[in-house]
């Protein structure tokens, strides 16, 4: 499990662990829409199995965004006197927007790794 998490964060191919899923090596803090390779450079594993394959990754992305929003609220809660201060909303929105491109990459990588045994 921990090895899979390291490979996911390293943007490694789920089949051979040598190629890269995304064209850019760094999946952290890129503020452009991710560009994926169609196949692995080493083992020719096809990442997008069929049209609409990554629709399920949108649900993973939603879960990541909700978890980050809740974590931001819990952390910001200590800096405000009231239980829910309206000034927390822009903070939560800024964190979610700042992490949105990272979430897209991470959710697609998680989706590929969840279904890596799906036939080529």
PDB file of N, CA and C in Angstrom:
ATOM      1  N   UNK A   1       0.822  -1.193   0.000  1.00  0.00           N
ATOM      2  CA  UNK A   1       0.000   0.000   0.000  1.00  0.00           C
ATOM      3  C   UNK A   1       0.867   1.258   0.000  1.00  0.00           C
ATOM      4  N   UNK A   2       1.866   1.307   0.880  1.00  0.00           N
ATOM      5  CA  UNK A   2       2.702   2.505   0.939  1.00  0.00           C
ATOM      6  C   UNK A   2       3.542   2.646  -0.322  1.00  0.00           C
ATOM      7  N   UNK A   3       3.946   1.510  -0.925  1.00  0.00           N
ATOM      8  CA  UNK A   3       4.690   1.598  -2.181  1.00  0.00           C
ATOM      9  C   UNK A   3       3.809   2.150  -3.290  1.00  0.00           C
ATOM     10  N   UNK A   4       2.548   1.771  -3.316  1.00  0.00           N
ATOM     11  CA  UNK A   4       1.630   2.300  -4.327  1.00  0.00           C
ATOM     12  C   UNK A   4       1.466   3.806  -4.177  1.00  0.00           C
ATOM     13  N   UNK A   5       1.382   4.284  -2.953  1.00  0.00           N
ATOM     14  CA  UNK A   5       1.238   5.716  -2.725  1.00  0.00           C
ATOM     15  C   UNK A   5       2.468   6.478  -3.221  1.00  0.00           C
ATOM     16  N   UNK A   6       3.644   5.914  -3.008  1.00  0.00           N
ATOM     17  CA  UNK A   6       4.881   6.539  -3.499  1.00  0.00           C
ATOM     18  C   UNK A   6       4.874   6.578  -5.027  1.00  0.00           C
ATOM     19  N   UNK A   7       4.455   5.491  -5.668  1.00  0.00           N
ATOM     20  CA  UNK A   7       4.412   5.456  -7.127  1.00  0.00           C
ATOM     21  C   UNK A   7       3.344   6.404  -7.684  1.00  0.00           C
ATOM     22  N   UNK A   8       2.228   6.537  -6.987  1.00  0.00           N
ATOM     23  CA  UNK A   8       1.197   7.476  -7.419  1.00  0.00           C
ATOM     24  C   UNK A   8       1.740   8.905  -7.360  1.00  0.00           C
ATOM     25  N   UNK A   9       2.391   9.259  -6.270  1.00  0.00           N
ATOM     26  CA  UNK A   9       2.927  10.610  -6.125  1.00  0.00           C
ATOM     27  C   UNK A   9       4.117  10.865  -7.050  1.00  0.00           C
ATOM     28  N   UNK A  10       4.780   9.802  -7.501  1.00  0.00           N
ATOM     29  CA  UNK A  10       5.886   9.948  -8.460  1.00  0.00           C
ATOM     30  C   UNK A  10       5.410   9.939  -9.903  1.00  0.00           C
ATOM     31  N   UNK A  11       4.094   9.789 -10.115  1.00  0.00           N
ATOM     32  CA  UNK A  11       3.530   9.824 -11.468  1.00  0.00           C
ATOM     33  C   UNK A  11       3.984   8.616 -12.293  1.00  0.00           C
ATOM     34  N   UNK A  12       4.170   7.460 -11.654  1.00  0.00           N
ATOM     35  CA  UNK A  12       4.677   6.267 -12.335  1.00  0.00           C
ATOM     36  C   UNK A  12       3.556   5.476 -12.994  1.00  0.00           C
ATOM     37  N   UNK A  13       3.920   4.767 -14.045  1.00  0.00           N
ATOM     38  CA  UNK A  13       2.993   3.870 -14.732  1.00  0.00           C
ATOM     39  C   UNK A  13       2.573   2.761 -13.768  1.00  0.00           C
ATOM     40  N   UNK A  14       1.284   2.422 -13.694  1.00  0.00           N
ATOM     41  CA  UNK A  14       0.854   1.379 -12.763  1.00  0.00           C
ATOM     42  C   UNK A  14       1.266  -0.025 -13.193  1.00  0.00           C
ATOM     43  N   UNK A  15       1.625  -0.200 -14.455  1.00  0.00           N
ATOM     44  CA  UNK A  15       1.966  -1.519 -14.964  1.00  0.00           C
ATOM     45  C   UNK A  15       3.445  -1.847 -14.748  1.00  0.00           C
ATOM     46  N   UNK A  16       4.337  -0.974 -15.223  1.00  0.00           N
ATOM     47  CA  UNK A  16       5.774  -1.264 -15.155  1.00  0.00           C
ATOM     48  C   UNK A  16       6.507  -0.413 -14.118  1.00  0.00           C
ATOM     49  N   UNK A  17       5.894   0.641 -13.627  1.00  0.00           N
ATOM     50  CA  UNK A  17       6.452   1.560 -12.637  1.00  0.00           C
ATOM     51  C   UNK A  17       7.684   2.310 -13.140  1.00  0.00           C
ATOM     52  N   UNK A  18       7.896   2.335 -14.465  1.00  0.00           N
ATOM     53  CA  UNK A  18       9.052   3.036 -15.044  1.00  0.00           C
ATOM     54  C   UNK A  18       8.629   4.250 -15.854  1.00  0.00           C
ATOM     55  N   UNK A  19       7.552   4.143 -16.604  1.00  0.00           N
ATOM     56  CA  UNK A  19       7.075   5.254 -17.422  1.00  0.00           C
ATOM     57  C   UNK A  19       6.303   6.255 -16.588  1.00  0.00           C
ATOM     58  N   UNK A  20       5.892   7.327 -17.219  1.00  0.00           N
ATOM     59  CA  UNK A  20       5.146   8.386 -16.554  1.00  0.00           C
ATOM     60  C   UNK A  20       3.744   8.495 -17.153  1.00  0.00           C
ATOM     61  N   UNK A  21       2.756   8.737 -16.309  1.00  0.00           N
ATOM     62  CA  UNK A  21       1.372   8.879 -16.754  1.00  0.00           C
ATOM     63  C   UNK A  21       1.163  10.255 -17.382  1.00  0.00           C
ATOM     64  N   UNK A  22       1.638  11.294 -16.726  1.00  0.00           N
ATOM     65  CA  UNK A  22       1.499  12.653 -17.233  1.00  0.00           C
ATOM     66  C   UNK A  22       2.780  13.088 -17.921  1.00  0.00           C
ATOM     67  N   UNK A  23       2.655  13.979 -18.886  1.00  0.00           N
ATOM     68  CA  UNK A  23       3.816  14.424 -19.658  1.00  0.00           C
ATOM     69  C   UNK A  23       4.801  15.196 -18.800  1.00  0.00           C
ATOM     70  N   UNK A  24       4.301  15.983 -17.849  1.00  0.00           N
ATOM     71  CA  UNK A  24       5.213  16.678 -16.947  1.00  0.00           C
ATOM     72  C   UNK A  24       5.531  15.759 -15.774  1.00  0.00           C
ATOM     73  N   UNK A  25       6.774  15.763 -15.339  1.00  0.00           N
ATOM     74  CA  UNK A  25       7.193  14.868 -14.271  1.00  0.00           C
ATOM     75  C   UNK A  25       6.648  15.278 -12.910  1.00  0.00           C
ATOM     76  N   UNK A  26       6.552  16.569 -12.665  1.00  0.00           N
ATOM     77  CA  UNK A  26       6.103  17.066 -11.378  1.00  0.00           C
ATOM     78  C   UNK A  26       4.590  17.236 -11.405  1.00  0.00           C
ATOM     79  N   UNK A  27       3.870  16.475 -10.569  1.00  0.00           N
ATOM     80  CA  UNK A  27       2.415  16.623 -10.524  1.00  0.00           C
ATOM     81  C   UNK A  27       1.990  17.646  -9.485  1.00  0.00           C
ATOM     82  N   UNK A  28       2.925  18.186  -8.728  1.00  0.00           N
ATOM     83  CA  UNK A  28       2.620  19.153  -7.681  1.00  0.00           C
ATOM     84  C   UNK A  28       2.733  20.567  -8.236  1.00  0.00           C
ATOM     85  N   UNK A  29       1.796  21.411  -7.898  1.00  0.00           N
ATOM     86  CA  UNK A  29       1.849  22.845  -8.140  1.00  0.00           C
ATOM     87  C   UNK A  29       2.098  23.237  -9.588  1.00  0.00           C
ATOM     88  N   UNK A  30       1.426  22.577 -10.502  1.00  0.00           N
ATOM     89  CA  UNK A  30       1.375  23.018 -11.891  1.00  0.00           C
ATOM     90  C   UNK A  30       0.008  23.641 -12.082  1.00  0.00           C
ATOM     91  N   UNK A  31      -0.048  24.841 -12.623  1.00  0.00           N
ATOM     92  CA  UNK A  31      -1.316  25.544 -12.719  1.00  0.00           C
ATOM     93  C   UNK A  31      -1.886  25.511 -14.129  1.00  0.00           C
ATOM     94  N   UNK A  32      -1.583  24.455 -14.867  1.00  0.00           N
ATOM     95  CA  UNK A  32      -2.166  24.245 -16.187  1.00  0.00           C
ATOM     96  C   UNK A  32      -2.919  22.929 -16.168  1.00  0.00           C
ATOM     97  N   UNK A  33      -3.835  22.759 -17.122  1.00  0.00           N
ATOM     98  CA  UNK A  33      -4.579  21.504 -17.178  1.00  0.00           C
ATOM     99  C   UNK A  33      -3.606  20.380 -17.539  1.00  0.00           C
ATOM    100  N   UNK A  34      -3.692  19.243 -16.872  1.00  0.00           N
ATOM    101  CA  UNK A  34      -2.714  18.178 -17.090  1.00  0.00           C
ATOM    102  C   UNK A  34      -2.805  17.559 -18.481  1.00  0.00           C
ATOM    103  N   UNK A  35      -1.656  17.240 -19.020  1.00  0.00           N
ATOM    104  CA  UNK A  35      -1.573  16.550 -20.307  1.00  0.00           C
ATOM    105  C   UNK A  35      -1.051  15.144 -20.046  1.00  0.00           C
ATOM    106  N   UNK A  36      -1.873  14.171 -20.411  1.00  0.00           N
ATOM    107  CA  UNK A  36      -1.517  12.773 -20.156  1.00  0.00           C
ATOM    108  C   UNK A  36      -0.883  12.149 -21.386  1.00  0.00           C
ATOM    109  N   UNK A  37       0.002  11.196 -21.137  1.00  0.00           N
ATOM    110  CA  UNK A  37       0.489  10.352 -22.215  1.00  0.00           C
ATOM    111  C   UNK A  37      -0.604   9.338 -22.541  1.00  0.00           C
ATOM    112  N   UNK A  38      -0.726   8.963 -23.795  1.00  0.00           N
ATOM    113  CA  UNK A  38      -1.724   7.960 -24.160  1.00  0.00           C
ATOM    114  C   UNK A  38      -1.284   6.567 -23.724  1.00  0.00           C
ATOM    115  N   UNK A  39       0.006   6.288 -23.883  1.00  0.00           N
ATOM    116  CA  UNK A  39       0.571   4.986 -23.538  1.00  0.00           C
ATOM    117  C   UNK A  39       1.842   5.197 -22.724  1.00  0.00           C
ATOM    118  N   UNK A  40       2.221   4.187 -21.979  1.00  0.00           N
ATOM    119  CA  UNK A  40       3.492   4.213 -21.257  1.00  0.00           C
ATOM    120  C   UNK A  40       4.630   4.102 -22.268  1.00  0.00           C
ATOM    121  N   UNK A  41       5.712   4.840 -22.043  1.00  0.00           N
ATOM    122  CA  UNK A  41       6.844   4.803 -22.953  1.00  0.00           C
ATOM    123  C   UNK A  41       7.594   3.470 -22.879  1.00  0.00           C
ATOM    124  N   UNK A  42       7.507   2.779 -21.751  1.00  0.00           N
ATOM    125  CA  UNK A  42       8.268   1.537 -21.566  1.00  0.00           C
ATOM    126  C   UNK A  42       7.467   0.283 -21.921  1.00  0.00           C
ATOM    127  N   UNK A  43       6.259   0.156 -21.374  1.00  0.00           N
ATOM    128  CA  UNK A  43       5.499  -1.093 -21.556  1.00  0.00           C
ATOM    129  C   UNK A  43       4.290  -0.927 -22.476  1.00  0.00           C
ATOM    130  N   UNK A  44       4.034   0.271 -22.975  1.00  0.00           N
ATOM    131  CA  UNK A  44       2.915   0.590 -23.870  1.00  0.00           C
ATOM    132  C   UNK A  44       1.557   0.297 -23.248  1.00  0.00           C
ATOM    133  N   UNK A  45       1.465   0.437 -21.924  1.00  0.00           N
ATOM    134  CA  UNK A  45       0.199   0.298 -21.201  1.00  0.00           C
ATOM    135  C   UNK A  45      -0.686   1.490 -21.554  1.00  0.00           C
ATOM    136  N   UNK A  46      -1.912   1.227 -21.981  1.00  0.00           N
ATOM    137  CA  UNK A  46      -2.830   2.301 -22.361  1.00  0.00           C
ATOM    138  C   UNK A  46      -3.513   2.839 -21.108  1.00  0.00           C
ATOM    139  N   UNK A  47      -3.387   4.152 -20.880  1.00  0.00           N
ATOM    140  CA  UNK A  47      -3.919   4.758 -19.657  1.00  0.00           C
ATOM    141  C   UNK A  47      -5.420   5.003 -19.729  1.00  0.00           C
ATOM    142  N   UNK A  48      -5.921   5.512 -20.841  1.00  0.00           N
ATOM    143  CA  UNK A  48      -7.359   5.736 -20.983  1.00  0.00           C
ATOM    144  C   UNK A  48      -7.946   4.554 -21.735  1.00  0.00           C
ATOM    145  N   UNK A  49      -8.623   3.683 -21.020  1.00  0.00           N
ATOM    146  CA  UNK A  49      -9.100   2.426 -21.589  1.00  0.00           C
ATOM    147  C   UNK A  49     -10.208   2.612 -22.619  1.00  0.00           C
ATOM    148  N   UNK A  50     -11.063   3.582 -22.393  1.00  0.00           N
ATOM    149  CA  UNK A  50     -12.221   3.796 -23.273  1.00  0.00           C
ATOM    150  C   UNK A  50     -12.655   5.246 -23.128  1.00  0.00           C
ATOM    151  N   UNK A  51     -13.454   5.750 -24.054  1.00  0.00           N
ATOM    152  CA  UNK A  51     -13.960   7.119 -23.900  1.00  0.00           C
ATOM    153  C   UNK A  51     -14.792   7.234 -22.619  1.00  0.00           C
ATOM    154  N   UNK A  52     -14.550   8.271 -21.874  1.00  0.00           N
ATOM    155  CA  UNK A  52     -15.270   8.458 -20.616  1.00  0.00           C
ATOM    156  C   UNK A  52     -14.685   7.691 -19.456  1.00  0.00           C
ATOM    157  N   UNK A  53     -13.493   7.139 -19.617  1.00  0.00           N
ATOM    158  CA  UNK A  53     -12.869   6.329 -18.562  1.00  0.00           C
ATOM    159  C   UNK A  53     -12.656   7.137 -17.284  1.00  0.00           C
ATOM    160  N   UNK A  54     -12.366   8.420 -17.422  1.00  0.00           N
ATOM    161  CA  UNK A  54     -12.040   9.224 -16.252  1.00  0.00           C
ATOM    162  C   UNK A  54     -13.240   9.954 -15.652  1.00  0.00           C
ATOM    163  N   UNK A  55     -14.461   9.603 -16.046  1.00  0.00           N
ATOM    164  CA  UNK A  55     -15.630  10.195 -15.401  1.00  0.00           C
ATOM    165  C   UNK A  55     -15.664   9.829 -13.917  1.00  0.00           C
ATOM    166  N   UNK A  56     -15.262   8.631 -13.596  1.00  0.00           N
ATOM    167  CA  UNK A  56     -15.228   8.210 -12.194  1.00  0.00           C
ATOM    168  C   UNK A  56     -14.194   8.964 -11.391  1.00  0.00           C
ATOM    169  N   UNK A  57     -13.136   9.431 -12.068  1.00  0.00           N
ATOM    170  CA  UNK A  57     -12.107  10.201 -11.375  1.00  0.00           C
ATOM    171  C   UNK A  57     -12.661  11.543 -10.890  1.00  0.00           C
ATOM    172  N   UNK A  58     -13.735  12.014 -11.512  1.00  0.00           N
ATOM    173  CA  UNK A  58     -14.360  13.257 -11.048  1.00  0.00           C
ATOM    174  C   UNK A  58     -14.927  13.087  -9.642  1.00  0.00           C
ATOM    175  N   UNK A  59     -15.440  11.898  -9.329  1.00  0.00           N
ATOM    176  CA  UNK A  59     -15.946  11.639  -7.986  1.00  0.00           C
ATOM    177  C   UNK A  59     -14.804  11.586  -6.974  1.00  0.00           C
ATOM    178  N   UNK A  60     -13.680  11.020  -7.384  1.00  0.00           N
ATOM    179  CA  UNK A  60     -12.500  11.008  -6.518  1.00  0.00           C
ATOM    180  C   UNK A  60     -12.036  12.447  -6.285  1.00  0.00           C
ATOM    181  N   UNK A  61     -12.029  13.248  -7.345  1.00  0.00           N
ATOM    182  CA  UNK A  61     -11.642  14.655  -7.243  1.00  0.00           C
ATOM    183  C   UNK A  61     -12.582  15.398  -6.291  1.00  0.00           C
ATOM    184  N   UNK A  62     -13.866  15.134  -6.390  1.00  0.00           N
ATOM    185  CA  UNK A  62     -14.845  15.756  -5.499  1.00  0.00           C
ATOM    186  C   UNK A  62     -14.557  15.383  -4.044  1.00  0.00           C
ATOM    187  N   UNK A  63     -14.274  14.112  -3.801  1.00  0.00           N
ATOM    188  CA  UNK A  63     -13.959  13.667  -2.441  1.00  0.00           C
ATOM    189  C   UNK A  63     -12.704  14.338  -1.895  1.00  0.00           C
ATOM    190  N   UNK A  64     -11.690  14.466  -2.742  1.00  0.00           N
ATOM    191  CA  UNK A  64     -10.464  15.152  -2.323  1.00  0.00           C
ATOM    192  C   UNK A  64     -10.754  16.618  -1.984  1.00  0.00           C
ATOM    193  N   UNK A  65     -11.553  17.264  -2.810  1.00  0.00           N
ATOM    194  CA  UNK A  65     -11.875  18.687  -2.582  1.00  0.00           C
ATOM    195  C   UNK A  65     -12.679  18.874  -1.303  1.00  0.00           C
ATOM    196  N   UNK A  66     -13.622  17.998  -1.054  1.00  0.00           N
ATOM    197  CA  UNK A  66     -14.414  18.092   0.181  1.00  0.00           C
ATOM    198  C   UNK A  66     -13.520  17.862   1.402  1.00  0.00           C
ATOM    199  N   UNK A  67     -12.642  16.877   1.326  1.00  0.00           N
ATOM    200  CA  UNK A  67     -11.733  16.603   2.448  1.00  0.00           C
ATOM    201  C   UNK A  67     -10.806  17.792   2.699  1.00  0.00           C
ATOM    202  N   UNK A  68     -10.318  18.411   1.637  1.00  0.00           N
ATOM    203  CA  UNK A  68      -9.452  19.577   1.801  1.00  0.00           C
ATOM    204  C   UNK A  68     -10.236  20.770   2.340  1.00  0.00           C
ATOM    205  N   UNK A  69     -11.488  20.919   1.924  1.00  0.00           N
ATOM    206  CA  UNK A  69     -12.322  21.999   2.448  1.00  0.00           C
ATOM    207  C   UNK A  69     -12.599  21.825   3.933  1.00  0.00           C
ATOM    208  N   UNK A  70     -12.885  20.583   4.342  1.00  0.00           N
ATOM    209  CA  UNK A  70     -13.132  20.317   5.766  1.00  0.00           C
ATOM    210  C   UNK A  70     -11.864  20.530   6.579  1.00  0.00           C
ATOM    211  N   UNK A  71     -10.732  20.065   6.059  1.00  0.00           N
ATOM    212  CA  UNK A  71      -9.465  20.254   6.768  1.00  0.00           C
ATOM    213  C   UNK A  71      -9.131  21.741   6.893  1.00  0.00           C
ATOM    214  N   UNK A  72      -9.391  22.506   5.853  1.00  0.00           N
ATOM    215  CA  UNK A  72      -9.152  23.949   5.898  1.00  0.00           C
ATOM    216  C   UNK A  72     -10.055  24.609   6.924  1.00  0.00           C
ATOM    217  N   UNK A  73     -11.312  24.195   6.981  1.00  0.00           N
ATOM    218  CA  UNK A  73     -12.234  24.742   7.975  1.00  0.00           C
ATOM    219  C   UNK A  73     -11.747  24.443   9.391  1.00  0.00           C
ATOM    220  N   UNK A  74     -11.306  23.203   9.625  1.00  0.00           N
ATOM    221  CA  UNK A  74     -10.852  22.814  10.969  1.00  0.00           C
ATOM    222  C   UNK A  74      -9.632  23.640  11.371  1.00  0.00           C
ATOM    223  N   UNK A  75      -8.708  23.837  10.435  1.00  0.00           N
ATOM    224  CA  UNK A  75      -7.516  24.625  10.746  1.00  0.00           C
ATOM    225  C   UNK A  75      -7.875  26.100  10.932  1.00  0.00           C
ATOM    226  N   UNK A  76      -8.716  26.653  10.039  1.00  0.00           N
ATOM    227  CA  UNK A  76      -9.088  28.066  10.129  1.00  0.00           C
ATOM    228  C   UNK A  76      -9.957  28.352  11.343  1.00  0.00           C
ATOM    229  N   UNK A  77     -10.650  27.350  11.824  1.00  0.00           N
ATOM    230  CA  UNK A  77     -11.541  27.513  12.978  1.00  0.00           C
ATOM    231  C   UNK A  77     -10.788  28.034  14.201  1.00  0.00           C
ATOM    232  N   UNK A  78      -9.535  27.659  14.339  1.00  0.00           N
ATOM    233  CA  UNK A  78      -8.757  28.087  15.504  1.00  0.00           C
ATOM    234  C   UNK A  78      -8.373  29.569  15.451  1.00  0.00           C
ATOM    235  N   UNK A  79      -8.451  30.188  14.290  1.00  0.00           N
ATOM    236  CA  UNK A  79      -8.054  31.581  14.143  1.00  0.00           C
ATOM    237  C   UNK A  79      -9.234  32.563  14.230  1.00  0.00           C
ATOM    238  N   UNK A  80     -10.449  32.044  14.395  1.00  0.00           N
ATOM    239  CA  UNK A  80     -11.632  32.898  14.480  1.00  0.00           C
ATOM    240  C   UNK A  80     -12.356  32.630  15.794  1.00  0.00           C
ATOM    241  N   UNK A  81     -13.029  33.648  16.294  1.00  0.00           N
ATOM    242  CA  UNK A  81     -13.714  33.526  17.577  1.00  0.00           C
ATOM    243  C   UNK A  81     -15.034  32.771  17.460  1.00  0.00           C
ATOM    244  N   UNK A  82     -15.772  33.001  16.391  1.00  0.00           N
ATOM    245  CA  UNK A  82     -17.063  32.349  16.217  1.00  0.00           C
ATOM    246  C   UNK A  82     -16.878  30.946  15.647  1.00  0.00           C
ATOM    247  N   UNK A  83     -17.905  30.097  15.854  1.00  0.00           N
ATOM    248  CA  UNK A  83     -17.836  28.734  15.334  1.00  0.00           C
ATOM    249  C   UNK A  83     -17.755  28.722  13.822  1.00  0.00           C
ATOM    250  N   UNK A  84     -18.621  29.505  13.194  1.00  0.00           N
ATOM    251  CA  UNK A  84     -18.550  29.626  11.742  1.00  0.00           C
ATOM    252  C   UNK A  84     -18.591  31.094  11.377  1.00  0.00           C
ATOM    253  N   UNK A  85     -17.464  31.597  10.977  1.00  0.00           N
ATOM    254  CA  UNK A  85     -17.342  32.990  10.576  1.00  0.00           C
ATOM    255  C   UNK A  85     -17.366  33.042   9.051  1.00  0.00           C
ATOM    256  N   UNK A  86     -18.109  33.971   8.489  1.00  0.00           N
ATOM    257  CA  UNK A  86     -18.222  34.060   7.031  1.00  0.00           C
ATOM    258  C   UNK A  86     -16.894  34.376   6.351  1.00  0.00           C
ATOM    259  N   UNK A  87     -15.930  34.877   7.094  1.00  0.00           N
ATOM    260  CA  UNK A  87     -14.611  35.140   6.515  1.00  0.00           C
ATOM    261  C   UNK A  87     -13.843  33.860   6.212  1.00  0.00           C
ATOM    262  N   UNK A  88     -14.323  32.727   6.698  1.00  0.00           N
ATOM    263  CA  UNK A  88     -13.671  31.440   6.392  1.00  0.00           C
ATOM    264  C   UNK A  88     -13.973  30.976   4.971  1.00  0.00           C
ATOM    265  N   UNK A  89     -15.091  31.386   4.427  1.00  0.00           N
ATOM    266  CA  UNK A  89     -15.492  30.918   3.095  1.00  0.00           C
ATOM    267  C   UNK A  89     -14.482  31.289   2.023  1.00  0.00           C
ATOM    268  N   UNK A  90     -14.004  32.539   1.948  1.00  0.00           N
ATOM    269  CA  UNK A  90     -12.985  32.833   0.936  1.00  0.00           C
ATOM    270  C   UNK A  90     -11.682  32.069   1.149  1.00  0.00           C
ATOM    271  N   UNK A  91     -11.343  31.788   2.398  1.00  0.00           N
ATOM    272  CA  UNK A  91     -10.134  31.018   2.681  1.00  0.00           C
ATOM    273  C   UNK A  91     -10.293  29.597   2.159  1.00  0.00           C
ATOM    274  N   UNK A  92     -11.431  28.994   2.433  1.00  0.00           N
ATOM    275  CA  UNK A  92     -11.694  27.637   1.963  1.00  0.00           C
ATOM    276  C   UNK A  92     -11.718  27.601   0.434  1.00  0.00           C
ATOM    277  N   UNK A  93     -12.355  28.599  -0.182  1.00  0.00           N
ATOM    278  CA  UNK A  93     -12.401  28.653  -1.650  1.00  0.00           C
ATOM    279  C   UNK A  93     -11.006  28.819  -2.246  1.00  0.00           C
ATOM    280  N   UNK A  94     -10.178  29.629  -1.634  1.00  0.00           N
ATOM    281  CA  UNK A  94      -8.819  29.844  -2.147  1.00  0.00           C
ATOM    282  C   UNK A  94      -7.995  28.566  -2.074  1.00  0.00           C
ATOM    283  N   UNK A  95      -8.131  27.826  -0.987  1.00  0.00           N
ATOM    284  CA  UNK A  95      -7.382  26.566  -0.855  1.00  0.00           C
ATOM    285  C   UNK A  95      -7.856  25.554  -1.892  1.00  0.00           C
ATOM    286  N   UNK A  96      -9.158  25.440  -2.069  1.00  0.00           N
ATOM    287  CA  UNK A  96      -9.690  24.489  -3.045  1.00  0.00           C
ATOM    288  C   UNK A  96      -9.268  24.875  -4.461  1.00  0.00           C
ATOM    289  N   UNK A  97      -9.317  26.157  -4.789  1.00  0.00           N
ATOM    290  CA  UNK A  97      -8.876  26.601  -6.116  1.00  0.00           C
ATOM    291  C   UNK A  97      -7.378  26.405  -6.321  1.00  0.00           C
ATOM    292  N   UNK A  98      -6.583  26.667  -5.296  1.00  0.00           N
ATOM    293  CA  UNK A  98      -5.135  26.499  -5.418  1.00  0.00           C
ATOM    294  C   UNK A  98      -4.748  25.042  -5.627  1.00  0.00           C
ATOM    295  N   UNK A  99      -5.506  24.129  -5.054  1.00  0.00           N
ATOM    296  CA  UNK A  99      -5.182  22.705  -5.159  1.00  0.00           C
ATOM    297  C   UNK A  99      -5.948  21.991  -6.270  1.00  0.00           C
ATOM    298  N   UNK A 100      -6.717  22.708  -7.058  1.00  0.00           N
ATOM    299  CA  UNK A 100      -7.585  22.062  -8.044  1.00  0.00           C
ATOM    300  C   UNK A 100      -6.813  21.302  -9.124  1.00  0.00           C
ATOM    301  N   UNK A 101      -5.744  21.883  -9.668  1.00  0.00           N
ATOM    302  CA  UNK A 101      -5.007  21.160 -10.715  1.00  0.00           C
ATOM    303  C   UNK A 101      -4.258  19.956 -10.137  1.00  0.00           C
ATOM    304  N   UNK A 102      -3.781  20.086  -8.904  1.00  0.00           N
ATOM    305  CA  UNK A 102      -3.165  18.929  -8.244  1.00  0.00           C
ATOM    306  C   UNK A 102      -4.202  17.838  -8.033  1.00  0.00           C
ATOM    307  N   UNK A 103      -5.424  18.220  -7.655  1.00  0.00           N
ATOM    308  CA  UNK A 103      -6.481  17.241  -7.430  1.00  0.00           C
ATOM    309  C   UNK A 103      -6.855  16.502  -8.709  1.00  0.00           C
ATOM    310  N   UNK A 104      -6.850  17.206  -9.834  1.00  0.00           N
ATOM    311  CA  UNK A 104      -7.163  16.549 -11.106  1.00  0.00           C
ATOM    312  C   UNK A 104      -6.135  15.463 -11.391  1.00  0.00           C
ATOM    313  N   UNK A 105      -4.871  15.800 -11.250  1.00  0.00           N
ATOM    314  CA  UNK A 105      -3.813  14.817 -11.504  1.00  0.00           C
ATOM    315  C   UNK A 105      -3.891  13.653 -10.521  1.00  0.00           C
ATOM    316  N   UNK A 106      -4.022  13.977  -9.248  1.00  0.00           N
ATOM    317  CA  UNK A 106      -4.051  12.933  -8.228  1.00  0.00           C
ATOM    318  C   UNK A 106      -5.265  12.026  -8.389  1.00  0.00           C
ATOM    319  N   UNK A 107      -6.425  12.594  -8.705  1.00  0.00           N
ATOM    320  CA  UNK A 107      -7.623  11.759  -8.849  1.00  0.00           C
ATOM    321  C   UNK A 107      -7.503  10.834 -10.055  1.00  0.00           C
ATOM    322  N   UNK A 108      -6.913  11.318 -11.144  1.00  0.00           N
ATOM    323  CA  UNK A 108      -6.719  10.443 -12.307  1.00  0.00           C
ATOM    324  C   UNK A 108      -5.712   9.339 -12.004  1.00  0.00           C
ATOM    325  N   UNK A 109      -4.651   9.672 -11.301  1.00  0.00           N
ATOM    326  CA  UNK A 109      -3.671   8.643 -10.932  1.00  0.00           C
ATOM    327  C   UNK A 109      -4.299   7.606  -9.997  1.00  0.00           C
ATOM    328  N   UNK A 110      -5.072   8.073  -9.026  1.00  0.00           N
ATOM    329  CA  UNK A 110      -5.751   7.128  -8.128  1.00  0.00           C
ATOM    330  C   UNK A 110      -6.718   6.235  -8.903  1.00  0.00           C
ATOM    331  N   UNK A 111      -7.432   6.807  -9.867  1.00  0.00           N
ATOM    332  CA  UNK A 111      -8.387   6.045 -10.667  1.00  0.00           C
ATOM    333  C   UNK A 111      -7.672   4.997 -11.510  1.00  0.00           C
ATOM    334  N   UNK A 112      -6.557   5.368 -12.111  1.00  0.00           N
ATOM    335  CA  UNK A 112      -5.788   4.416 -12.915  1.00  0.00           C
ATOM    336  C   UNK A 112      -5.265   3.287 -12.031  1.00  0.00           C
ATOM    337  N   UNK A 113      -4.761   3.621 -10.851  1.00  0.00           N
ATOM    338  CA  UNK A 113      -4.227   2.596  -9.962  1.00  0.00           C
ATOM    339  C   UNK A 113      -5.316   1.695  -9.395  1.00  0.00           C
ATOM    340  N   UNK A 114      -6.524   2.228  -9.201  1.00  0.00           N
ATOM    341  CA  UNK A 114      -7.612   1.383  -8.699  1.00  0.00           C
ATOM    342  C   UNK A 114      -8.019   0.329  -9.739  1.00  0.00           C
ATOM    343  N   UNK A 115      -7.920   0.669 -11.015  1.00  0.00           N
ATOM    344  CA  UNK A 115      -8.351  -0.233 -12.084  1.00  0.00           C
ATOM    345  C   UNK A 115      -7.192  -0.660 -12.962  1.00  0.00           C
ATOM    346  N   UNK A 116      -5.995  -0.809 -12.394  1.00  0.00           N
ATOM    347  CA  UNK A 116      -4.844  -1.163 -13.214  1.00  0.00           C
ATOM    348  C   UNK A 116      -4.889  -2.596 -13.718  1.00  0.00           C
ATOM    349  N   UNK A 117      -5.657  -3.451 -13.101  1.00  0.00           N
ATOM    350  CA  UNK A 117      -5.764  -4.836 -13.572  1.00  0.00           C
ATOM    351  C   UNK A 117      -6.832  -5.006 -14.627  1.00  0.00           C
ATOM    352  N   UNK A 118      -7.475  -3.918 -14.998  1.00  0.00           N
ATOM    353  CA  UNK A 118      -8.457  -3.920 -16.066  1.00  0.00           C
ATOM    354  C   UNK A 118      -7.740  -4.291 -17.358  1.00  0.00           C
ATOM    355  N   UNK A 119      -8.324  -5.096 -18.203  1.00  0.00           N
ATOM    356  CA  UNK A 119      -7.615  -5.622 -19.367  1.00  0.00           C
ATOM    357  C   UNK A 119      -7.153  -4.522 -20.306  1.00  0.00           C
ATOM    358  N   UNK A 120      -5.996  -4.751 -20.946  1.00  0.00           N
ATOM    359  CA  UNK A 120      -5.437  -3.789 -21.894  1.00  0.00           C
ATOM    360  C   UNK A 120      -6.285  -3.787 -23.123  1.00  0.00           C
TER     361      UNK A 120
END
